[in-house]
């Protein structure tokens, strides 16, 4: 029997009282099961952190000695138990080390997706679809009108200009994917990477993921070359150089509002869109879908006569 309170959303985060742990807590807790290393899912200071090795490396870089009291490193497809709840990590395809969390308790399985994507991405492990009784899915883009374009076609837009580009992207996950995509599909471009992004790039390479050619940003190089340079910067730097001259401003994101006032639109997302969520539900075949991290009301309407959809947020 599915337990309606198997996980509940609290101010601290998504809590499983049966296992006495939190999934991606927003505040420090005793036992935290972390799906991936983005800051809105992985805070510092938890006593026990259960995560993949890459997630721990990213957290250690960002938070240093405050990253966790103790890391418990879990491989994909490896199971462990917290207070009678069996937990297995499965690749989520969102970024390097990102995991979906399969929880089994009294014969019922609950799958928490964290953030996930279906698009091919050579800079992280591909998503794996298990079957589960309950799918607890992110709904960042759960809107029938949101359909992500083909990422290869999007990245090739950068080759439509020879002018230098200031490319804004999140420092972890998106930046590494972009470096590899530019090398694969825009090989004429020379990539200069902001120093705040470089440590994350090094961890990717340390973990065996080749990103291709890039250089650490050098102001002289940017000043003396007026063609085919891409300066990859994190969001804060991108916003601070709002009046940057002699560059085309581009920000890579699935959010259309972040494309305004830029010189080029680059809709590349690391989240599932509407069709991807529907496909995921078809693959996992849950009896119920619980939604989090976004608005699941349109999914609820879509499945009104066919599937129980419960909004946790």
C-alpha atoms as a PDB file:
ATOM      1  CA  UNK A   1       0.000   0.000   0.000  1.00  0.00           C
ATOM      2  CA  UNK A   2       1.298   3.436  -0.985  1.00  0.00           C
ATOM      3  CA  UNK A   3       1.885   5.616   2.066  1.00  0.00           C
ATOM      4  CA  UNK A   4       0.608   9.133   1.349  1.00  0.00           C
ATOM      5  CA  UNK A   5       2.978  10.545   3.933  1.00  0.00           C
ATOM      6  CA  UNK A   6       6.058   8.570   2.885  1.00  0.00           C
ATOM      7  CA  UNK A   7       7.687  11.905   2.088  1.00  0.00           C
ATOM      8  CA  UNK A   8       6.329  15.276   3.151  1.00  0.00           C
ATOM      9  CA  UNK A   9       7.479  18.746   2.214  1.00  0.00           C
ATOM     10  CA  UNK A  10       8.611  20.809   5.205  1.00  0.00           C
ATOM     11  CA  UNK A  11      10.321  24.190   5.495  1.00  0.00           C
ATOM     12  CA  UNK A  12      13.604  22.280   5.811  1.00  0.00           C
ATOM     13  CA  UNK A  13      12.975  20.144   2.754  1.00  0.00           C
ATOM     14  CA  UNK A  14      11.487  16.855   1.603  1.00  0.00           C
ATOM     15  CA  UNK A  15      11.412  14.571   4.647  1.00  0.00           C
ATOM     16  CA  UNK A  16      10.996  10.805   4.885  1.00  0.00           C
ATOM     17  CA  UNK A  17       9.929  10.077   8.471  1.00  0.00           C
ATOM     18  CA  UNK A  18      10.052   6.309   7.860  1.00  0.00           C
ATOM     19  CA  UNK A  19      13.764   6.529   7.058  1.00  0.00           C
ATOM     20  CA  UNK A  20      14.459   9.613   9.179  1.00  0.00           C
ATOM     21  CA  UNK A  21      16.288  11.419   6.384  1.00  0.00           C
ATOM     22  CA  UNK A  22      15.822  14.434   4.139  1.00  0.00           C
ATOM     23  CA  UNK A  23      16.072  14.551   0.365  1.00  0.00           C
ATOM     24  CA  UNK A  24      18.026  17.644  -0.752  1.00  0.00           C
ATOM     25  CA  UNK A  25      17.346  19.627   2.457  1.00  0.00           C
ATOM     26  CA  UNK A  26      17.463  23.422   2.347  1.00  0.00           C
ATOM     27  CA  UNK A  27      18.940  23.618   5.854  1.00  0.00           C
ATOM     28  CA  UNK A  28      21.538  21.473   7.631  1.00  0.00           C
ATOM     29  CA  UNK A  29      20.165  18.209   9.037  1.00  0.00           C
ATOM     30  CA  UNK A  30      21.527  14.997  10.547  1.00  0.00           C
ATOM     31  CA  UNK A  31      20.961  12.695   7.541  1.00  0.00           C
ATOM     32  CA  UNK A  32      20.784  14.157   4.030  1.00  0.00           C
ATOM     33  CA  UNK A  33      20.399  12.194   0.813  1.00  0.00           C
ATOM     34  CA  UNK A  34      21.696  14.555  -1.887  1.00  0.00           C
ATOM     35  CA  UNK A  35      20.674  14.067  -5.518  1.00  0.00           C
ATOM     36  CA  UNK A  36      23.275  16.420  -7.036  1.00  0.00           C
ATOM     37  CA  UNK A  37      25.621  19.276  -6.210  1.00  0.00           C
ATOM     38  CA  UNK A  38      23.732  22.368  -7.366  1.00  0.00           C
ATOM     39  CA  UNK A  39      23.375  24.853  -4.534  1.00  0.00           C
ATOM     40  CA  UNK A  40      19.575  24.664  -4.386  1.00  0.00           C
ATOM     41  CA  UNK A  41      19.854  20.918  -3.677  1.00  0.00           C
ATOM     42  CA  UNK A  42      23.106  20.608  -1.744  1.00  0.00           C
ATOM     43  CA  UNK A  43      23.632  22.899   1.233  1.00  0.00           C
ATOM     44  CA  UNK A  44      26.600  22.767   3.591  1.00  0.00           C
ATOM     45  CA  UNK A  45      26.781  21.541   7.154  1.00  0.00           C
ATOM     46  CA  UNK A  46      24.775  18.298   7.106  1.00  0.00           C
ATOM     47  CA  UNK A  47      26.081  15.714   9.569  1.00  0.00           C
ATOM     48  CA  UNK A  48      25.783  12.707   7.228  1.00  0.00           C
ATOM     49  CA  UNK A  49      25.625  13.204   3.465  1.00  0.00           C
ATOM     50  CA  UNK A  50      24.763  10.274   1.197  1.00  0.00           C
ATOM     51  CA  UNK A  51      25.685  11.088  -2.392  1.00  0.00           C
ATOM     52  CA  UNK A  52      27.791  10.062  -5.378  1.00  0.00           C
ATOM     53  CA  UNK A  53      31.534  10.710  -5.460  1.00  0.00           C
ATOM     54  CA  UNK A  54      31.349  13.592  -7.987  1.00  0.00           C
ATOM     55  CA  UNK A  55      28.686  15.300  -5.888  1.00  0.00           C
ATOM     56  CA  UNK A  56      30.970  15.123  -2.854  1.00  0.00           C
ATOM     57  CA  UNK A  57      33.890  16.587  -4.848  1.00  0.00           C
ATOM     58  CA  UNK A  58      31.818  19.525  -6.044  1.00  0.00           C
ATOM     59  CA  UNK A  59      30.514  20.164  -2.524  1.00  0.00           C
ATOM     60  CA  UNK A  60      34.015  19.967  -1.056  1.00  0.00           C
ATOM     61  CA  UNK A  61      35.257  22.535  -3.544  1.00  0.00           C
ATOM     62  CA  UNK A  62      32.364  24.889  -2.864  1.00  0.00           C
ATOM     63  CA  UNK A  63      32.028  24.515   0.914  1.00  0.00           C
ATOM     64  CA  UNK A  64      35.502  23.302   1.935  1.00  0.00           C
ATOM     65  CA  UNK A  65      35.567  21.935   5.519  1.00  0.00           C
ATOM     66  CA  UNK A  66      31.906  22.878   6.026  1.00  0.00           C
ATOM     67  CA  UNK A  67      30.699  20.607   3.205  1.00  0.00           C
ATOM     68  CA  UNK A  68      29.579  17.792   5.544  1.00  0.00           C
ATOM     69  CA  UNK A  69      30.341  16.113   8.829  1.00  0.00           C
ATOM     70  CA  UNK A  70      30.869  12.877   6.922  1.00  0.00           C
ATOM     71  CA  UNK A  71      30.317  11.821   3.319  1.00  0.00           C
ATOM     72  CA  UNK A  72      28.909   8.376   2.565  1.00  0.00           C
ATOM     73  CA  UNK A  73      29.742   7.765  -1.100  1.00  0.00           C
ATOM     74  CA  UNK A  74      27.264   5.689  -3.058  1.00  0.00           C
ATOM     75  CA  UNK A  75      27.806   4.339  -6.572  1.00  0.00           C
ATOM     76  CA  UNK A  76      25.036   4.170  -9.135  1.00  0.00           C
ATOM     77  CA  UNK A  77      22.969   0.976  -8.783  1.00  0.00           C
ATOM     78  CA  UNK A  78      24.367   0.480  -5.275  1.00  0.00           C
ATOM     79  CA  UNK A  79      21.854   0.099  -2.422  1.00  0.00           C
ATOM     80  CA  UNK A  80      22.044   1.065   1.234  1.00  0.00           C
ATOM     81  CA  UNK A  81      19.521   1.214   4.060  1.00  0.00           C
ATOM     82  CA  UNK A  82      18.458   4.018   6.371  1.00  0.00           C
ATOM     83  CA  UNK A  83      16.070   2.924   9.132  1.00  0.00           C
ATOM     84  CA  UNK A  84      14.445   0.121   7.102  1.00  0.00           C
ATOM     85  CA  UNK A  85      14.172   2.185   3.887  1.00  0.00           C
ATOM     86  CA  UNK A  86      16.240   0.666   1.087  1.00  0.00           C
ATOM     87  CA  UNK A  87      17.791   3.352  -1.110  1.00  0.00           C
ATOM     88  CA  UNK A  88      19.380   2.958  -4.551  1.00  0.00           C
ATOM     89  CA  UNK A  89      21.014   5.674  -6.654  1.00  0.00           C
ATOM     90  CA  UNK A  90      20.287   5.722 -10.390  1.00  0.00           C
ATOM     91  CA  UNK A  91      21.716   8.154 -12.930  1.00  0.00           C
ATOM     92  CA  UNK A  92      19.520  11.202 -13.531  1.00  0.00           C
ATOM     93  CA  UNK A  93      21.351  12.596 -16.586  1.00  0.00           C
ATOM     94  CA  UNK A  94      21.176  16.165 -15.212  1.00  0.00           C
ATOM     95  CA  UNK A  95      24.921  16.710 -14.649  1.00  0.00           C
ATOM     96  CA  UNK A  96      27.959  14.719 -13.568  1.00  0.00           C
ATOM     97  CA  UNK A  97      27.092  12.623 -10.515  1.00  0.00           C
ATOM     98  CA  UNK A  98      23.398  13.517 -10.478  1.00  0.00           C
ATOM     99  CA  UNK A  99      21.249  10.733  -9.061  1.00  0.00           C
ATOM    100  CA  UNK A 100      17.630   9.763  -8.886  1.00  0.00           C
ATOM    101  CA  UNK A 101      16.822   8.211  -5.523  1.00  0.00           C
ATOM    102  CA  UNK A 102      14.837   4.966  -5.533  1.00  0.00           C
ATOM    103  CA  UNK A 103      13.380   4.242  -2.100  1.00  0.00           C
ATOM    104  CA  UNK A 104      11.746   0.936  -1.188  1.00  0.00           C
ATOM    105  CA  UNK A 105       9.703   0.396   1.966  1.00  0.00           C
ATOM    106  CA  UNK A 106       7.320  -2.449   2.807  1.00  0.00           C
ATOM    107  CA  UNK A 107       7.079  -3.610  -0.789  1.00  0.00           C
ATOM    108  CA  UNK A 108       6.378  -0.176  -2.302  1.00  0.00           C
ATOM    109  CA  UNK A 109       8.882   1.804  -4.394  1.00  0.00           C
ATOM    110  CA  UNK A 110       9.148   5.590  -4.508  1.00  0.00           C
ATOM    111  CA  UNK A 111      11.420   7.300  -7.063  1.00  0.00           C
ATOM    112  CA  UNK A 112      12.626  10.842  -6.372  1.00  0.00           C
ATOM    113  CA  UNK A 113      14.070  12.327  -9.551  1.00  0.00           C
ATOM    114  CA  UNK A 114      15.896  15.381  -8.234  1.00  0.00           C
ATOM    115  CA  UNK A 115      16.652  17.363 -11.407  1.00  0.00           C
ATOM    116  CA  UNK A 116      16.947  15.252 -14.547  1.00  0.00           C
ATOM    117  CA  UNK A 117      17.163  15.433 -18.312  1.00  0.00           C
ATOM    118  CA  UNK A 118      16.732  13.041 -21.233  1.00  0.00           C
ATOM    119  CA  UNK A 119      18.831  14.822 -23.867  1.00  0.00           C
ATOM    120  CA  UNK A 120      22.130  13.109 -24.791  1.00  0.00           C
ATOM    121  CA  UNK A 121      25.069  14.645 -22.949  1.00  0.00           C
ATOM    122  CA  UNK A 122      28.622  13.213 -23.099  1.00  0.00           C
ATOM    123  CA  UNK A 123      29.596  15.149 -19.967  1.00  0.00           C
ATOM    124  CA  UNK A 124      27.481  13.064 -17.611  1.00  0.00           C
ATOM    125  CA  UNK A 125      26.021   9.613 -17.141  1.00  0.00           C
ATOM    126  CA  UNK A 126      22.790   8.976 -19.139  1.00  0.00           C
ATOM    127  CA  UNK A 127      19.476   8.688 -17.345  1.00  0.00           C
ATOM    128  CA  UNK A 128      18.244   5.257 -16.263  1.00  0.00           C
ATOM    129  CA  UNK A 129      14.526   4.447 -16.052  1.00  0.00           C
ATOM    130  CA  UNK A 130      13.492   2.011 -13.316  1.00  0.00           C
ATOM    131  CA  UNK A 131       9.892   1.060 -12.637  1.00  0.00           C
ATOM    132  CA  UNK A 132       8.351   2.532  -9.486  1.00  0.00           C
ATOM    133  CA  UNK A 133       4.986   2.670  -7.758  1.00  0.00           C
ATOM    134  CA  UNK A 134       5.325   6.386  -7.064  1.00  0.00           C
ATOM    135  CA  UNK A 135       7.227   8.906  -9.187  1.00  0.00           C
ATOM    136  CA  UNK A 136       8.246  12.059  -7.314  1.00  0.00           C
ATOM    137  CA  UNK A 137       9.219  14.309 -10.193  1.00  0.00           C
ATOM    138  CA  UNK A 138      10.542  17.821 -10.602  1.00  0.00           C
ATOM    139  CA  UNK A 139       8.179  20.009 -12.639  1.00  0.00           C
ATOM    140  CA  UNK A 140      10.406  22.980 -13.482  1.00  0.00           C
ATOM    141  CA  UNK A 141       9.072  23.082 -17.057  1.00  0.00           C
ATOM    142  CA  UNK A 142       5.843  21.067 -16.703  1.00  0.00           C
ATOM    143  CA  UNK A 143       3.918  23.150 -19.211  1.00  0.00           C
ATOM    144  CA  UNK A 144       2.638  21.831 -22.575  1.00  0.00           C
ATOM    145  CA  UNK A 145       3.849  25.047 -24.200  1.00  0.00           C
ATOM    146  CA  UNK A 146       7.433  24.506 -23.033  1.00  0.00           C
ATOM    147  CA  UNK A 147       9.255  22.255 -25.489  1.00  0.00           C
ATOM    148  CA  UNK A 148      13.036  22.503 -25.503  1.00  0.00           C
ATOM    149  CA  UNK A 149      14.646  22.892 -28.928  1.00  0.00           C
ATOM    150  CA  UNK A 150      17.335  20.537 -30.171  1.00  0.00           C
ATOM    151  CA  UNK A 151      20.539  21.454 -28.276  1.00  0.00           C
ATOM    152  CA  UNK A 152      22.798  20.819 -31.271  1.00  0.00           C
ATOM    153  CA  UNK A 153      20.841  23.279 -33.398  1.00  0.00           C
ATOM    154  CA  UNK A 154      20.957  25.801 -30.564  1.00  0.00           C
ATOM    155  CA  UNK A 155      24.702  25.604 -29.995  1.00  0.00           C
ATOM    156  CA  UNK A 156      25.368  25.939 -33.740  1.00  0.00           C
ATOM    157  CA  UNK A 157      23.876  29.443 -33.494  1.00  0.00           C
ATOM    158  CA  UNK A 158      27.216  30.512 -32.023  1.00  0.00           C
ATOM    159  CA  UNK A 159      28.786  29.813 -35.425  1.00  0.00           C
ATOM    160  CA  UNK A 160      26.482  32.288 -37.180  1.00  0.00           C
ATOM    161  CA  UNK A 161      28.744  35.150 -36.073  1.00  0.00           C
ATOM    162  CA  UNK A 162      32.490  35.693 -36.109  1.00  0.00           C
ATOM    163  CA  UNK A 163      32.189  38.345 -33.411  1.00  0.00           C
ATOM    164  CA  UNK A 164      33.407  37.617 -29.902  1.00  0.00           C
ATOM    165  CA  UNK A 165      30.786  36.249 -27.528  1.00  0.00           C
ATOM    166  CA  UNK A 166      30.346  36.636 -23.790  1.00  0.00           C
ATOM    167  CA  UNK A 167      28.530  33.424 -22.897  1.00  0.00           C
ATOM    168  CA  UNK A 168      26.853  33.281 -19.501  1.00  0.00           C
ATOM    169  CA  UNK A 169      26.112  29.922 -17.892  1.00  0.00           C
ATOM    170  CA  UNK A 170      25.902  28.290 -14.491  1.00  0.00           C
ATOM    171  CA  UNK A 171      29.408  27.431 -13.335  1.00  0.00           C
ATOM    172  CA  UNK A 172      28.627  23.809 -12.526  1.00  0.00           C
ATOM    173  CA  UNK A 173      27.057  21.434 -15.017  1.00  0.00           C
ATOM    174  CA  UNK A 174      25.934  23.812 -17.758  1.00  0.00           C
ATOM    175  CA  UNK A 175      29.378  25.331 -18.356  1.00  0.00           C
ATOM    176  CA  UNK A 176      31.060  21.943 -18.756  1.00  0.00           C
ATOM    177  CA  UNK A 177      28.345  20.773 -21.133  1.00  0.00           C
ATOM    178  CA  UNK A 178      28.754  23.944 -23.206  1.00  0.00           C
ATOM    179  CA  UNK A 179      32.530  23.568 -23.469  1.00  0.00           C
ATOM    180  CA  UNK A 180      32.097  20.081 -24.871  1.00  0.00           C
ATOM    181  CA  UNK A 181      29.264  21.139 -27.213  1.00  0.00           C
ATOM    182  CA  UNK A 182      31.242  24.076 -28.594  1.00  0.00           C
ATOM    183  CA  UNK A 183      34.208  21.786 -29.245  1.00  0.00           C
ATOM    184  CA  UNK A 184      31.943  19.257 -30.960  1.00  0.00           C
ATOM    185  CA  UNK A 185      29.779  21.590 -33.063  1.00  0.00           C
ATOM    186  CA  UNK A 186      31.589  24.950 -33.274  1.00  0.00           C
ATOM    187  CA  UNK A 187      35.241  23.863 -33.589  1.00  0.00           C
ATOM    188  CA  UNK A 188      36.315  27.203 -35.093  1.00  0.00           C
ATOM    189  CA  UNK A 189      35.637  28.900 -31.754  1.00  0.00           C
ATOM    190  CA  UNK A 190      38.327  29.514 -29.141  1.00  0.00           C
ATOM    191  CA  UNK A 191      36.974  29.090 -25.614  1.00  0.00           C
ATOM    192  CA  UNK A 192      38.194  31.249 -22.732  1.00  0.00           C
ATOM    193  CA  UNK A 193      36.895  30.121 -19.346  1.00  0.00           C
ATOM    194  CA  UNK A 194      36.422  32.326 -16.274  1.00  0.00           C
ATOM    195  CA  UNK A 195      38.628  31.292 -13.347  1.00  0.00           C
ATOM    196  CA  UNK A 196      35.631  30.526 -11.087  1.00  0.00           C
ATOM    197  CA  UNK A 197      34.500  27.812 -13.510  1.00  0.00           C
ATOM    198  CA  UNK A 198      37.892  26.161 -13.928  1.00  0.00           C
ATOM    199  CA  UNK A 199      37.898  24.091 -10.668  1.00  0.00           C
ATOM    200  CA  UNK A 200      34.649  22.401 -11.678  1.00  0.00           C
ATOM    201  CA  UNK A 201      36.097  21.710 -15.131  1.00  0.00           C
ATOM    202  CA  UNK A 202      39.107  20.061 -13.499  1.00  0.00           C
ATOM    203  CA  UNK A 203      36.848  17.773 -11.438  1.00  0.00           C
ATOM    204  CA  UNK A 204      35.047  16.670 -14.608  1.00  0.00           C
ATOM    205  CA  UNK A 205      38.377  15.822 -16.191  1.00  0.00           C
ATOM    206  CA  UNK A 206      39.583  14.106 -13.017  1.00  0.00           C
ATOM    207  CA  UNK A 207      36.490  11.908 -13.195  1.00  0.00           C
ATOM    208  CA  UNK A 208      37.281  10.901 -16.778  1.00  0.00           C
ATOM    209  CA  UNK A 209      35.022  13.230 -18.774  1.00  0.00           C
ATOM    210  CA  UNK A 210      36.844  14.942 -21.628  1.00  0.00           C
ATOM    211  CA  UNK A 211      35.525  18.408 -22.474  1.00  0.00           C
ATOM    212  CA  UNK A 212      37.870  19.278 -25.325  1.00  0.00           C
ATOM    213  CA  UNK A 213      39.912  22.440 -25.829  1.00  0.00           C
ATOM    214  CA  UNK A 214      39.636  25.524 -23.626  1.00  0.00           C
ATOM    215  CA  UNK A 215      41.882  28.141 -22.016  1.00  0.00           C
ATOM    216  CA  UNK A 216      41.795  30.045 -18.769  1.00  0.00           C
ATOM    217  CA  UNK A 217      40.619  33.599 -19.515  1.00  0.00           C
ATOM    218  CA  UNK A 218      43.380  36.068 -20.334  1.00  0.00           C
ATOM    219  CA  UNK A 219      42.397  39.699 -20.770  1.00  0.00           C
ATOM    220  CA  UNK A 220      45.177  40.290 -23.306  1.00  0.00           C
ATOM    221  CA  UNK A 221      43.912  37.460 -25.501  1.00  0.00           C
ATOM    222  CA  UNK A 222      40.401  38.896 -25.468  1.00  0.00           C
ATOM    223  CA  UNK A 223      41.667  42.414 -26.198  1.00  0.00           C
ATOM    224  CA  UNK A 224      43.955  41.399 -29.065  1.00  0.00           C
ATOM    225  CA  UNK A 225      41.555  39.030 -30.846  1.00  0.00           C
ATOM    226  CA  UNK A 226      38.309  40.360 -32.267  1.00  0.00           C
ATOM    227  CA  UNK A 227      36.934  37.200 -33.858  1.00  0.00           C
ATOM    228  CA  UNK A 228      35.700  33.740 -32.861  1.00  0.00           C
ATOM    229  CA  UNK A 229      36.399  33.994 -29.133  1.00  0.00           C
ATOM    230  CA  UNK A 230      33.855  32.769 -26.588  1.00  0.00           C
ATOM    231  CA  UNK A 231      34.350  34.030 -23.050  1.00  0.00           C
ATOM    232  CA  UNK A 232      32.441  31.642 -20.756  1.00  0.00           C
ATOM    233  CA  UNK A 233      31.426  33.334 -17.502  1.00  0.00           C
ATOM    234  CA  UNK A 234      29.191  32.552 -14.483  1.00  0.00           C
ATOM    235  CA  UNK A 235      25.892  34.461 -14.036  1.00  0.00           C
ATOM    236  CA  UNK A 236      27.189  37.089 -11.584  1.00  0.00           C
ATOM    237  CA  UNK A 237      29.985  38.093 -13.952  1.00  0.00           C
ATOM    238  CA  UNK A 238      27.581  38.090 -16.908  1.00  0.00           C
ATOM    239  CA  UNK A 239      25.221  40.447 -15.095  1.00  0.00           C
ATOM    240  CA  UNK A 240      28.023  42.717 -13.886  1.00  0.00           C
ATOM    241  CA  UNK A 241      29.224  43.337 -17.452  1.00  0.00           C
ATOM    242  CA  UNK A 242      25.844  44.502 -18.716  1.00  0.00           C
ATOM    243  CA  UNK A 243      27.512  47.251 -20.773  1.00  0.00           C
ATOM    244  CA  UNK A 244      30.367  45.151 -22.127  1.00  0.00           C
ATOM    245  CA  UNK A 245      31.463  46.389 -25.556  1.00  0.00           C
ATOM    246  CA  UNK A 246      32.707  44.539 -28.614  1.00  0.00           C
ATOM    247  CA  UNK A 247      31.023  41.286 -27.526  1.00  0.00           C
ATOM    248  CA  UNK A 248      27.708  39.638 -28.273  1.00  0.00           C
ATOM    249  CA  UNK A 249      25.952  38.815 -24.999  1.00  0.00           C
ATOM    250  CA  UNK A 250      24.450  35.312 -24.847  1.00  0.00           C
ATOM    251  CA  UNK A 251      23.068  33.390 -21.854  1.00  0.00           C
ATOM    252  CA  UNK A 252      22.456  29.638 -22.086  1.00  0.00           C
ATOM    253  CA  UNK A 253      19.250  28.650 -20.288  1.00  0.00           C
ATOM    254  CA  UNK A 254      15.868  27.033 -20.766  1.00  0.00           C
ATOM    255  CA  UNK A 255      14.237  30.105 -19.213  1.00  0.00           C
ATOM    256  CA  UNK A 256      13.074  32.487 -21.947  1.00  0.00           C
ATOM    257  CA  UNK A 257      13.030  35.443 -19.576  1.00  0.00           C
ATOM    258  CA  UNK A 258      16.814  35.118 -19.256  1.00  0.00           C
ATOM    259  CA  UNK A 259      17.147  35.637 -23.029  1.00  0.00           C
ATOM    260  CA  UNK A 260      15.833  39.198 -22.975  1.00  0.00           C
ATOM    261  CA  UNK A 261      18.154  42.020 -24.005  1.00  0.00           C
ATOM    262  CA  UNK A 262      20.797  39.550 -25.199  1.00  0.00           C
ATOM    263  CA  UNK A 263      22.352  39.604 -28.628  1.00  0.00           C
ATOM    264  CA  UNK A 264      21.355  36.010 -29.336  1.00  0.00           C
ATOM    265  CA  UNK A 265      18.878  33.518 -27.876  1.00  0.00           C
ATOM    266  CA  UNK A 266      20.374  30.233 -26.657  1.00  0.00           C
ATOM    267  CA  UNK A 267      17.732  27.916 -25.213  1.00  0.00           C
ATOM    268  CA  UNK A 268      19.730  25.038 -23.775  1.00  0.00           C
ATOM    269  CA  UNK A 269      18.227  23.441 -20.687  1.00  0.00           C
ATOM    270  CA  UNK A 270      19.411  20.694 -18.347  1.00  0.00           C
ATOM    271  CA  UNK A 271      15.852  19.951 -17.200  1.00  0.00           C
ATOM    272  CA  UNK A 272      13.058  17.908 -18.741  1.00  0.00           C
ATOM    273  CA  UNK A 273      10.371  19.682 -20.732  1.00  0.00           C
ATOM    274  CA  UNK A 274       6.708  18.695 -20.975  1.00  0.00           C
ATOM    275  CA  UNK A 275       7.210  15.895 -23.501  1.00  0.00           C
ATOM    276  CA  UNK A 276      10.141  14.508 -21.513  1.00  0.00           C
ATOM    277  CA  UNK A 277       8.050  14.312 -18.335  1.00  0.00           C
ATOM    278  CA  UNK A 278       5.253  12.500 -20.175  1.00  0.00           C
ATOM    279  CA  UNK A 279       7.807  10.094 -21.668  1.00  0.00           C
ATOM    280  CA  UNK A 280       9.349   9.478 -18.243  1.00  0.00           C
ATOM    281  CA  UNK A 281       5.966   8.644 -16.748  1.00  0.00           C
ATOM    282  CA  UNK A 282       5.335   6.218 -19.624  1.00  0.00           C
ATOM    283  CA  UNK A 283       8.673   4.512 -18.945  1.00  0.00           C
ATOM    284  CA  UNK A 284       8.389   4.278 -15.164  1.00  0.00           C
ATOM    285  CA  UNK A 285       4.690   3.340 -15.147  1.00  0.00           C
ATOM    286  CA  UNK A 286       3.855   4.634 -11.661  1.00  0.00           C
ATOM    287  CA  UNK A 287       0.489   4.276  -9.972  1.00  0.00           C
ATOM    288  CA  UNK A 288       0.858   7.803  -8.649  1.00  0.00           C
ATOM    289  CA  UNK A 289       2.890  10.889  -9.557  1.00  0.00           C
ATOM    290  CA  UNK A 290       3.886  13.411  -6.882  1.00  0.00           C
ATOM    291  CA  UNK A 291       5.254  16.737  -8.094  1.00  0.00           C
ATOM    292  CA  UNK A 292       7.865  19.080  -6.617  1.00  0.00           C
ATOM    293  CA  UNK A 293      10.179  21.924  -7.718  1.00  0.00           C
ATOM    294  CA  UNK A 294       7.680  23.687  -9.931  1.00  0.00           C
ATOM    295  CA  UNK A 295       3.981  23.709 -10.702  1.00  0.00           C
ATOM    296  CA  UNK A 296       2.432  20.297 -11.354  1.00  0.00           C
ATOM    297  CA  UNK A 297      -1.136  21.518 -11.838  1.00  0.00           C
ATOM    298  CA  UNK A 298      -1.053  21.052 -15.617  1.00  0.00           C
ATOM    299  CA  UNK A 299       0.131  17.468 -15.187  1.00  0.00           C
ATOM    300  CA  UNK A 300      -2.745  16.969 -12.758  1.00  0.00           C
ATOM    301  CA  UNK A 301      -5.188  18.241 -15.381  1.00  0.00           C
ATOM    302  CA  UNK A 302      -3.604  16.136 -18.137  1.00  0.00           C
ATOM    303  CA  UNK A 303      -3.933  12.880 -16.180  1.00  0.00           C
ATOM    304  CA  UNK A 304      -7.193  13.738 -14.394  1.00  0.00           C
ATOM    305  CA  UNK A 305      -8.969  10.551 -15.538  1.00  0.00           C
ATOM    306  CA  UNK A 306      -5.986   8.216 -15.833  1.00  0.00           C
ATOM    307  CA  UNK A 307      -3.471   8.715 -13.027  1.00  0.00           C
ATOM    308  CA  UNK A 308      -3.306  10.134  -9.530  1.00  0.00           C
ATOM    309  CA  UNK A 309      -1.154  13.269  -9.534  1.00  0.00           C
ATOM    310  CA  UNK A 310      -0.485  14.873  -6.153  1.00  0.00           C
ATOM    311  CA  UNK A 311       1.153  18.272  -5.743  1.00  0.00           C
ATOM    312  CA  UNK A 312       3.663  18.282  -2.882  1.00  0.00           C
ATOM    313  CA  UNK A 313       4.499  21.955  -3.256  1.00  0.00           C
END
